[in-house]
Amino acid sequence: MKRGHYIISLLCILLVLTGCTTLKRYRSATYQAVDNSLVGMDLFGYQLTPSGTAPEGRNLWELSASAQTQLIQILDDRYPDNAQFIQALNQEYLSDPAGPVYDYTKKNLRMVFTISKRRDYASLSGGYPSGHFSPADRIEYLQFSLSIPEETHLRFTEWNRFTTEYGEIEIGDISFTRSLDLEAEGVLPEEVDLGSSGFFGRTERQKVRSRYLILNGSIGEHRIEIGEEGTREIDLTGNVIVDVSVEFSPFPERITVPIFNTAGHSPVDTGAVAALRFMDVVVPRMEEAPDTICAVLEMNYVYRHVRSGWKTYQEWDDRVEYYTGSVSKKIPLFYKEDYLPSFYCIAAGEDEKEALRVRAVPEMIYPLQFRSYPEATSFFNWLHTQAAPELEEEEPIAIGSHVLIHDGVPLTRNSLNRLNDLKVMPVFGH
């Protein structure tokens, strides 16, 4: 066999064994330039929920089993009517007023960020991708941060990494084989015929995996920073869910809890106000609080553009060009009505400064504000239908030792009748 045949055969063998393999990440890779238009990022949605325990009443189901049985028997004797019996079961009662202070300043914030890349399919009409687009392009790495200004009286306290952990699932594999048949013939000087043949093959198996999240980062009081890196053939386009805890600067408040006497009344009638209890709470500081809390969203990314080789799933034949870019924008994070508690007062006009107050003892006057709209409405109805008509014209309206105050003086039947625009309204002006 001629010497050239042996050289060609050896070159073919080396080409199969070393040149054609999907274990390569690319055929060539170069860094091109900065392009800030290839990737976009926005806040897709958010959910702000309380992290503490809301002030709630207690009911008889919190009693022990024997206590429940005895109380139900007593209620059955007192209220043989079904409607009154059910109302009695649902009646809430309060524990000792010297209980814990309820905190409305701590919230759980879930943010959903959406990441997108530019897709210019019109560039494929010429038969070869032009510009910075091919169907195999992907976002290979990104790092984004969210910053809130200090003047909002808001800070990050915790990042729940357990809900944003990394994971991969193998969903299948792709196998293929490359082979080369070689044959050689020759004659030695002694006129002896030689012949040989050979088969060289290589089988490769490529795992197909599904990535559901990979995040890392850090958190500070006014800034959270997150990095995301894709594994092989994984594009970072999609949604990222981030769970953090936030806390507002606290401000103490006191709310009023009316105790209604329901004995002898129908289920739709709350009855008379028998007593007033007070509950200390902590709410977000309202001084200079903006209607919309905004944040600055910044992102840096690495974009992997496949210049050639994009027709195959395998990456070993790709000629890759890398681009870097950044995005920075101011976005609305959430609104005032999202984080303020829903307290209600009874006021004249549109100014809560004209709201009714309550004097517990001399020199101690508290705002008359309620936990919910139904509670405030029930007190408002009692005030007009039962409290005032039973009093003399200049007699102060009182519940036990507590006297209602308006504009610094005790509220009487006459002054109540003059307040034609008295109504239930939100305390914080939602």
Protein backbone atom coordinates (compact mmCIF):
# COMPACT_ATOMS: atom_id res chain seq x y z
CA MET A 1 0.00 0.00 0.00
CA LYS A 2 1.25 3.43 -0.81
CA ARG A 3 2.61 5.55 2.01
CA GLY A 4 0.05 8.30 1.31
CA HIS A 5 -2.82 5.93 2.01
CA TYR A 6 -1.50 5.23 5.50
CA ILE A 7 -1.16 8.96 6.24
CA ILE A 8 -4.72 9.67 5.11
CA SER A 9 -6.07 6.80 7.20
CA LEU A 10 -4.29 8.03 10.32
CA LEU A 11 -5.59 11.55 9.79
CA CYS A 12 -9.17 10.29 9.46
CA ILE A 13 -8.84 8.28 12.66
CA LEU A 14 -7.53 11.29 14.56
CA LEU A 15 -10.35 13.43 13.16
CA VAL A 16 -13.01 11.04 14.41
CA LEU A 17 -11.46 10.51 17.82
CA THR A 18 -10.60 14.12 18.64
CA GLY A 19 -12.35 16.49 16.30
CA CYS A 20 -16.00 15.42 16.35
CA THR A 21 -17.23 15.41 19.91
CA THR A 22 -20.19 17.06 21.63
CA LEU A 23 -18.20 17.37 24.83
CA LYS A 24 -16.98 20.76 23.64
CA ARG A 25 -18.90 23.84 24.74
CA TYR A 26 -18.19 25.68 21.50
CA ARG A 27 -16.01 25.68 18.42
CA SER A 28 -14.76 29.20 19.01
CA ALA A 29 -15.67 32.03 21.37
CA THR A 30 -14.92 35.75 21.21
CA TYR A 31 -16.06 38.83 23.08
CA GLN A 32 -17.69 41.36 20.80
CA ALA A 33 -19.03 44.51 22.50
CA VAL A 34 -21.50 46.12 24.91
CA ASP A 35 -25.13 46.07 23.78
CA ASN A 36 -27.79 47.19 26.27
CA SER A 37 -30.74 46.39 23.99
CA LEU A 38 -30.52 42.58 23.94
CA VAL A 39 -32.19 41.79 27.30
CA GLY A 40 -35.06 43.42 29.21
CA MET A 41 -36.30 43.04 32.79
CA ASP A 42 -39.45 44.20 34.61
CA LEU A 43 -41.38 43.59 37.80
CA PHE A 44 -44.21 41.36 36.57
CA GLY A 45 -46.16 41.32 39.87
CA TYR A 46 -45.95 41.43 43.63
CA GLN A 47 -47.82 40.27 46.72
CA LEU A 48 -47.53 41.99 50.09
CA THR A 49 -48.93 40.02 53.04
CA PRO A 50 -48.75 40.51 56.82
CA SER A 51 -46.05 38.52 58.58
CA GLY A 52 -47.43 38.96 62.09
CA THR A 53 -50.67 37.97 63.77
CA ALA A 54 -53.59 40.29 63.16
CA PRO A 55 -55.60 41.38 66.20
CA GLU A 56 -58.54 39.03 66.32
CA GLY A 57 -61.16 38.16 68.86
CA ARG A 58 -61.48 34.76 70.43
CA ASN A 59 -64.40 32.36 70.33
CA LEU A 60 -65.66 29.41 72.35
CA TRP A 61 -63.93 26.86 70.06
CA GLU A 62 -60.65 27.80 71.74
CA LEU A 63 -61.99 26.43 75.02
CA SER A 64 -61.34 22.86 76.16
CA ALA A 65 -63.74 20.09 75.10
CA SER A 66 -65.52 19.91 78.47
CA ALA A 67 -65.86 23.70 78.66
CA GLN A 68 -67.33 23.78 75.17
CA THR A 69 -69.93 21.13 76.13
CA GLN A 70 -71.03 22.97 79.25
CA LEU A 71 -71.20 26.34 77.49
CA ILE A 72 -73.23 24.93 74.59
CA GLN A 73 -75.74 23.44 77.05
CA ILE A 74 -76.11 26.81 78.77
CA LEU A 75 -76.53 28.58 75.44
CA ASP A 76 -79.13 26.02 74.37
CA ASP A 77 -81.19 26.79 77.48
CA ARG A 78 -80.91 30.56 77.00
CA TYR A 79 -81.39 30.68 73.23
CA PRO A 80 -83.75 27.94 72.04
CA ASP A 81 -84.25 29.85 68.78
CA ASN A 82 -81.82 28.60 66.10
CA ALA A 83 -80.82 32.05 64.83
CA GLN A 84 -79.99 33.37 68.30
CA PHE A 85 -78.16 30.15 69.19
CA ILE A 86 -75.94 30.35 66.10
CA GLN A 87 -75.25 34.03 66.74
CA ALA A 88 -74.18 33.21 70.29
CA LEU A 89 -71.79 30.54 69.01
CA ASN A 90 -70.18 33.00 66.62
CA GLN A 91 -69.88 35.77 69.18
CA GLU A 92 -66.29 36.84 69.78
CA TYR A 93 -64.95 37.85 73.14
CA LEU A 94 -61.74 39.56 74.17
CA SER A 95 -58.95 38.43 76.42
CA ASP A 96 -57.29 40.62 79.05
CA PRO A 97 -56.67 44.08 77.51
CA ALA A 98 -53.08 43.96 78.77
CA GLY A 99 -52.17 41.60 75.97
CA PRO A 100 -49.39 41.81 73.38
CA VAL A 101 -48.91 44.75 71.06
CA TYR A 102 -49.90 43.82 67.52
CA ASP A 103 -47.41 44.75 64.82
CA TYR A 104 -48.53 45.98 61.38
CA THR A 105 -45.04 47.03 60.26
CA LYS A 106 -43.67 43.62 59.22
CA LYS A 107 -44.68 42.25 55.83
CA ASN A 108 -43.80 39.37 53.54
CA LEU A 109 -43.08 40.56 50.01
CA ARG A 110 -43.14 38.19 47.03
CA MET A 111 -41.85 39.69 43.78
CA VAL A 112 -42.06 38.10 40.33
CA PHE A 113 -39.46 39.44 37.89
CA THR A 114 -39.75 38.69 34.19
CA ILE A 115 -36.64 38.49 32.01
CA SER A 116 -36.90 38.65 28.22
CA LYS A 117 -34.49 38.82 25.29
CA ARG A 118 -34.81 40.37 21.87
CA ARG A 119 -36.06 37.99 19.17
CA ASP A 120 -35.60 39.17 15.58
CA TYR A 121 -36.95 36.27 13.53
CA ALA A 122 -37.25 38.51 10.49
CA SER A 123 -33.47 38.37 10.15
CA LEU A 124 -33.71 34.65 9.30
CA SER A 125 -35.40 35.32 5.96
CA GLY A 126 -32.05 35.75 4.26
CA GLY A 127 -31.00 32.22 5.20
CA TYR A 128 -28.42 33.27 7.77
CA PRO A 129 -28.97 35.14 11.02
CA SER A 130 -27.81 38.71 10.82
CA GLY A 131 -27.08 41.09 13.63
CA HIS A 132 -27.15 39.66 17.15
CA PHE A 133 -29.85 37.04 16.80
CA SER A 134 -30.05 33.33 16.09
CA PRO A 135 -32.49 30.70 17.39
CA ALA A 136 -29.73 29.26 19.60
CA ASP A 137 -28.97 32.53 21.43
CA ARG A 138 -29.42 32.59 25.17
CA ILE A 139 -28.81 34.63 28.30
CA GLU A 140 -25.93 32.85 29.99
CA TYR A 141 -25.52 34.94 33.14
CA LEU A 142 -27.29 37.83 34.81
CA GLN A 143 -27.04 39.75 38.05
CA PHE A 144 -29.78 42.11 39.18
CA SER A 145 -30.41 44.25 42.22
CA LEU A 146 -33.35 46.10 43.75
CA SER A 147 -32.69 49.24 45.80
CA ILE A 148 -35.14 51.25 47.89
CA PRO A 149 -34.45 54.82 49.08
CA GLU A 150 -33.84 55.33 52.77
CA GLU A 151 -36.43 58.11 53.06
CA THR A 152 -39.27 55.59 52.58
CA HIS A 153 -38.74 54.31 56.17
CA LEU A 154 -38.61 50.77 54.78
CA ARG A 155 -35.90 48.14 55.01
CA PHE A 156 -35.27 44.56 53.97
CA THR A 157 -34.91 42.16 56.89
CA GLU A 158 -34.73 38.66 55.40
CA TRP A 159 -34.46 36.77 52.12
CA ASN A 160 -36.14 33.38 52.08
CA ARG A 161 -33.54 31.35 50.17
CA PHE A 162 -35.34 28.07 50.82
CA THR A 163 -38.05 28.96 48.32
CA THR A 164 -35.47 29.92 45.68
CA GLU A 165 -33.12 26.96 45.82
CA TYR A 166 -31.43 25.40 42.80
CA GLY A 167 -32.46 22.13 41.24
CA GLU A 168 -32.11 20.06 38.07
CA ILE A 169 -34.20 17.17 36.77
CA GLU A 170 -33.04 14.76 34.08
CA ILE A 171 -35.88 14.27 31.61
CA GLY A 172 -34.11 12.14 28.96
CA ASP A 173 -31.04 11.74 26.80
CA ILE A 174 -29.97 11.96 23.16
CA SER A 175 -27.62 9.31 21.72
CA PHE A 176 -25.86 9.26 18.37
CA THR A 177 -22.93 7.38 16.75
CA ARG A 178 -20.24 8.51 14.32
CA SER A 179 -18.37 5.79 12.39
CA LEU A 180 -15.63 5.49 9.74
CA ASP A 181 -14.83 2.40 7.62
CA LEU A 182 -11.24 2.16 6.37
CA GLU A 183 -9.84 -0.22 3.74
CA ALA A 184 -6.27 -0.46 2.49
CA GLU A 185 -4.65 -2.55 -0.25
CA GLY A 186 -1.04 -2.80 -1.37
CA VAL A 187 1.70 -4.99 -2.88
CA LEU A 188 5.06 -5.59 -1.28
CA PRO A 189 8.22 -5.78 -3.44
CA GLU A 190 8.12 -9.55 -3.17
CA GLU A 191 4.73 -9.29 -4.98
CA VAL A 192 2.80 -10.31 -1.87
CA ASP A 193 -0.72 -8.90 -1.82
CA LEU A 194 -1.80 -7.15 1.40
CA GLY A 195 -5.27 -6.10 2.40
CA SER A 196 -6.82 -4.74 5.57
CA SER A 197 -9.98 -3.09 6.76
CA GLY A 198 -11.01 -1.38 9.95
CA PHE A 199 -14.00 0.20 11.69
CA PHE A 200 -13.77 3.15 14.04
CA GLY A 201 -16.80 4.40 15.88
CA ARG A 202 -17.76 6.75 18.70
CA THR A 203 -21.06 6.73 20.55
CA GLU A 204 -22.05 9.74 22.64
CA ARG A 205 -24.96 10.30 24.94
CA GLN A 206 -26.15 13.75 25.89
CA LYS A 207 -28.33 14.27 28.95
CA VAL A 208 -31.36 16.56 28.65
CA ARG A 209 -32.07 18.37 31.90
CA SER A 210 -34.68 20.77 33.16
CA ARG A 211 -33.54 23.60 35.45
CA TYR A 212 -36.15 25.10 37.71
CA LEU A 213 -34.12 27.70 39.59
CA ILE A 214 -30.59 28.70 40.49
CA LEU A 215 -30.10 31.83 42.54
CA ASN A 216 -27.47 33.30 44.81
CA GLY A 217 -26.95 36.74 46.21
CA SER A 218 -26.93 38.98 49.26
CA ILE A 219 -29.30 41.25 51.13
CA GLY A 220 -28.89 44.55 52.94
CA GLU A 221 -31.30 46.93 54.64
CA HIS A 222 -32.01 48.90 51.47
CA ARG A 223 -30.67 46.68 48.69
CA ILE A 224 -31.06 43.07 47.61
CA GLU A 225 -28.72 41.62 44.99
CA ILE A 226 -29.29 38.33 43.15
CA GLY A 227 -27.19 36.43 40.62
CA GLU A 228 -28.44 33.77 38.23
CA GLU A 229 -26.30 31.48 36.08
CA GLY A 230 -27.55 29.03 33.49
CA THR A 231 -26.15 25.55 33.08
CA ARG A 232 -25.45 23.93 29.72
CA GLU A 233 -27.99 24.91 27.04
CA ILE A 234 -30.14 26.69 29.65
CA ASP A 235 -31.57 30.09 28.76
CA LEU A 236 -32.33 32.45 31.66
CA THR A 237 -35.36 33.94 29.91
CA GLY A 238 -38.47 33.60 32.08
CA ASN A 239 -39.72 34.52 35.56
CA VAL A 240 -37.82 34.68 38.83
CA ILE A 241 -39.72 34.59 42.14
CA VAL A 242 -38.03 36.28 45.12
CA ASP A 243 -39.48 36.11 48.66
CA VAL A 244 -38.20 38.71 51.13
CA SER A 245 -39.36 40.18 54.42
CA VAL A 246 -39.65 43.95 54.85
CA GLU A 247 -40.22 46.19 57.84
CA PHE A 248 -41.46 49.78 58.09
CA SER A 249 -40.40 52.29 60.70
CA PRO A 250 -42.88 51.81 63.59
CA PHE A 251 -45.33 54.27 65.07
CA PRO A 252 -47.60 53.44 68.07
CA GLU A 253 -51.37 53.68 67.76
CA ARG A 254 -54.34 52.71 69.91
CA ILE A 255 -57.55 51.28 68.49
CA THR A 256 -60.94 50.96 70.13
CA VAL A 257 -62.81 47.66 70.40
CA PRO A 258 -66.52 48.06 71.26
CA ILE A 259 -68.19 45.25 73.22
CA PHE A 260 -71.81 44.82 72.10
CA ASN A 261 -74.56 43.42 74.29
CA THR A 262 -76.49 41.07 71.98
CA ALA A 263 -78.96 39.71 74.55
CA GLY A 264 -82.55 39.97 73.30
CA HIS A 265 -81.59 41.25 69.87
CA SER A 266 -82.02 39.69 66.44
CA PRO A 267 -78.99 38.39 64.49
CA VAL A 268 -78.97 41.52 62.30
CA ASP A 269 -79.02 43.87 65.29
CA THR A 270 -75.72 44.29 67.13
CA GLY A 271 -77.39 45.65 70.24
CA ALA A 272 -76.09 48.26 72.65
CA VAL A 273 -72.44 49.06 73.30
CA ALA A 274 -71.79 47.66 76.75
CA ALA A 275 -68.14 48.66 77.11
CA LEU A 276 -65.04 49.88 75.30
CA ARG A 277 -61.68 48.11 75.27
CA PHE A 278 -58.45 49.48 73.86
CA MET A 279 -55.73 47.68 71.98
CA ASP A 280 -52.19 48.99 71.40
CA VAL A 281 -50.80 48.41 67.91
CA VAL A 282 -47.73 49.43 65.92
CA VAL A 283 -48.31 50.80 62.40
CA PRO A 284 -45.97 52.09 59.64
CA ARG A 285 -44.80 55.64 60.20
CA MET A 286 -46.96 57.93 58.07
CA GLU A 287 -44.86 61.10 58.16
CA GLU A 288 -44.05 62.00 54.55
CA ALA A 289 -45.06 58.52 53.40
CA PRO A 290 -45.38 58.52 49.60
CA ASP A 291 -48.47 57.24 47.81
CA THR A 292 -46.19 54.97 45.75
CA ILE A 293 -43.00 53.38 47.02
CA CYS A 294 -40.58 53.14 44.11
CA ALA A 295 -37.37 51.16 43.74
CA VAL A 296 -34.42 51.12 41.34
CA LEU A 297 -34.04 47.89 39.37
CA GLU A 298 -30.58 47.27 37.87
CA MET A 299 -29.38 44.31 35.84
CA ASN A 300 -26.09 43.25 34.23
CA TYR A 301 -26.07 40.32 31.82
CA VAL A 302 -23.92 38.18 29.51
CA TYR A 303 -25.54 37.33 26.17
CA ARG A 304 -24.36 34.28 24.20
CA HIS A 305 -24.87 34.81 20.47
CA VAL A 306 -24.32 31.83 18.15
CA ARG A 307 -22.85 33.16 14.92
CA SER A 308 -22.79 29.75 13.21
CA GLY A 309 -23.69 26.18 14.14
CA TRP A 310 -27.10 27.19 15.48
CA LYS A 311 -28.98 24.62 13.37
CA THR A 312 -27.96 21.74 15.69
CA TYR A 313 -28.72 21.26 19.37
CA GLN A 314 -25.14 20.23 20.06
CA GLU A 315 -22.85 23.08 21.02
CA TRP A 316 -19.49 21.68 19.95
CA ASP A 317 -19.77 23.21 16.45
CA ASP A 318 -20.98 26.68 17.56
CA ARG A 319 -19.01 29.81 16.82
CA VAL A 320 -19.97 31.96 19.81
CA GLU A 321 -19.88 35.72 20.27
CA TYR A 322 -20.43 37.19 23.73
CA TYR A 323 -22.07 40.54 24.44
CA THR A 324 -22.50 42.28 27.77
CA GLY A 325 -25.12 44.82 28.72
CA SER A 326 -26.97 46.50 31.55
CA VAL A 327 -30.47 47.76 32.32
CA SER A 328 -31.46 50.33 34.94
CA LYS A 329 -34.95 51.67 35.58
CA LYS A 330 -37.15 53.10 38.32
CA ILE A 331 -40.18 50.93 38.99
CA PRO A 332 -43.21 51.20 41.34
CA LEU A 333 -42.79 48.58 44.07
CA PHE A 334 -46.15 48.85 45.82
CA TYR A 335 -48.69 51.46 46.91
CA LYS A 336 -49.77 53.02 50.19
CA GLU A 337 -53.00 51.04 50.40
CA ASP A 338 -50.96 47.81 50.21
CA TYR A 339 -49.13 48.27 53.49
CA LEU A 340 -51.38 50.48 55.64
CA PRO A 341 -53.79 48.76 58.06
CA SER A 342 -57.51 49.12 57.39
CA PHE A 343 -58.58 51.18 60.40
CA TYR A 344 -61.77 53.26 60.36
CA CYS A 345 -62.99 56.26 62.32
CA ILE A 346 -66.17 58.36 62.62
CA ALA A 347 -65.52 61.88 61.40
CA ALA A 348 -67.27 64.98 60.07
CA GLY A 349 -66.17 66.14 56.62
CA GLU A 350 -63.14 64.72 54.84
CA ASP A 351 -60.55 65.53 57.51
CA GLU A 352 -59.77 62.84 60.05
CA LYS A 353 -58.74 65.60 62.48
CA GLU A 354 -62.47 66.13 62.99
CA ALA A 355 -62.92 62.51 64.02
CA LEU A 356 -64.56 61.54 67.29
CA ARG A 357 -62.32 60.72 70.20
CA VAL A 358 -62.82 59.05 73.56
CA ARG A 359 -61.73 60.25 76.99
CA ALA A 360 -60.82 57.40 79.30
CA VAL A 361 -59.84 59.48 82.32
CA PRO A 362 -59.12 63.19 82.67
CA GLU A 363 -56.08 64.26 80.63
CA MET A 364 -56.16 61.00 78.61
CA ILE A 365 -57.94 61.20 75.24
CA TYR A 366 -57.55 58.48 72.61
CA PRO A 367 -58.56 58.37 68.94
CA LEU A 368 -61.83 56.53 68.34
CA GLN A 369 -60.66 54.22 65.56
CA PHE A 370 -61.81 50.69 64.82
CA ARG A 371 -60.26 47.52 63.40
CA SER A 372 -62.76 47.08 60.56
CA TYR A 373 -65.50 48.85 58.63
CA PRO A 374 -68.34 46.62 60.00
CA GLU A 375 -67.23 47.32 63.56
CA ALA A 376 -67.15 51.08 62.95
CA THR A 377 -70.52 50.98 61.18
CA SER A 378 -72.13 49.06 64.05
CA PHE A 379 -70.86 51.66 66.54
CA PHE A 380 -72.07 54.49 64.25
CA ASN A 381 -75.57 52.97 64.03
CA TRP A 382 -75.75 52.48 67.79
CA LEU A 383 -74.69 56.08 68.33
CA HIS A 384 -77.59 57.47 66.29
CA THR A 385 -80.32 54.94 67.07
CA GLN A 386 -79.81 54.08 70.75
CA ALA A 387 -77.27 56.27 72.53
CA ALA A 388 -78.35 59.82 71.66
CA PRO A 389 -82.17 59.50 71.80
CA GLU A 390 -82.08 58.28 75.38
CA LEU A 391 -80.10 61.30 76.67
CA GLU A 392 -80.91 64.87 77.59
CA GLU A 393 -79.92 67.49 75.03
CA GLU A 394 -76.73 68.61 76.80
CA GLU A 395 -75.89 65.33 78.48
CA PRO A 396 -72.51 63.87 77.33
CA ILE A 397 -72.62 60.58 75.48
CA ALA A 398 -70.69 58.05 77.55
CA ILE A 399 -70.01 54.31 77.61
CA GLY A 400 -69.29 53.44 81.20
CA SER A 401 -66.52 55.79 82.32
CA HIS A 402 -65.54 56.67 78.75
CA VAL A 403 -66.88 59.92 77.27
CA LEU A 404 -67.02 60.67 73.53
CA ILE A 405 -65.18 63.86 72.52
CA HIS A 406 -65.53 66.05 69.42
CA ASP A 407 -63.51 69.18 68.76
CA GLY A 408 -62.08 69.05 72.29
CA VAL A 409 -65.43 69.02 74.14
CA PRO A 410 -67.79 66.19 75.18
CA LEU A 411 -70.19 65.06 72.50
CA THR A 412 -73.85 65.65 73.45
CA ARG A 413 -77.19 64.91 71.84
CA ASN A 414 -77.41 68.49 70.50
CA SER A 415 -73.88 68.57 69.08
CA LEU A 416 -74.38 65.15 67.48
CA ASN A 417 -77.54 66.35 65.73
CA ARG A 418 -75.62 69.34 64.34
CA LEU A 419 -73.01 67.07 62.73
CA ASN A 420 -74.96 66.28 59.59
CA ASP A 421 -71.91 65.09 57.65
CA LEU A 422 -70.72 62.64 60.29
CA LYS A 423 -69.76 59.32 58.64
CA VAL A 424 -67.46 56.31 58.77
CA MET A 425 -64.19 56.86 56.88
CA PRO A 426 -60.70 55.33 56.67
CA VAL A 427 -58.17 56.53 59.19
CA PHE A 428 -55.22 56.60 56.78
CA GLY A 429 -57.10 57.91 53.76
CA HIS A 430 -56.88 54.89 51.45
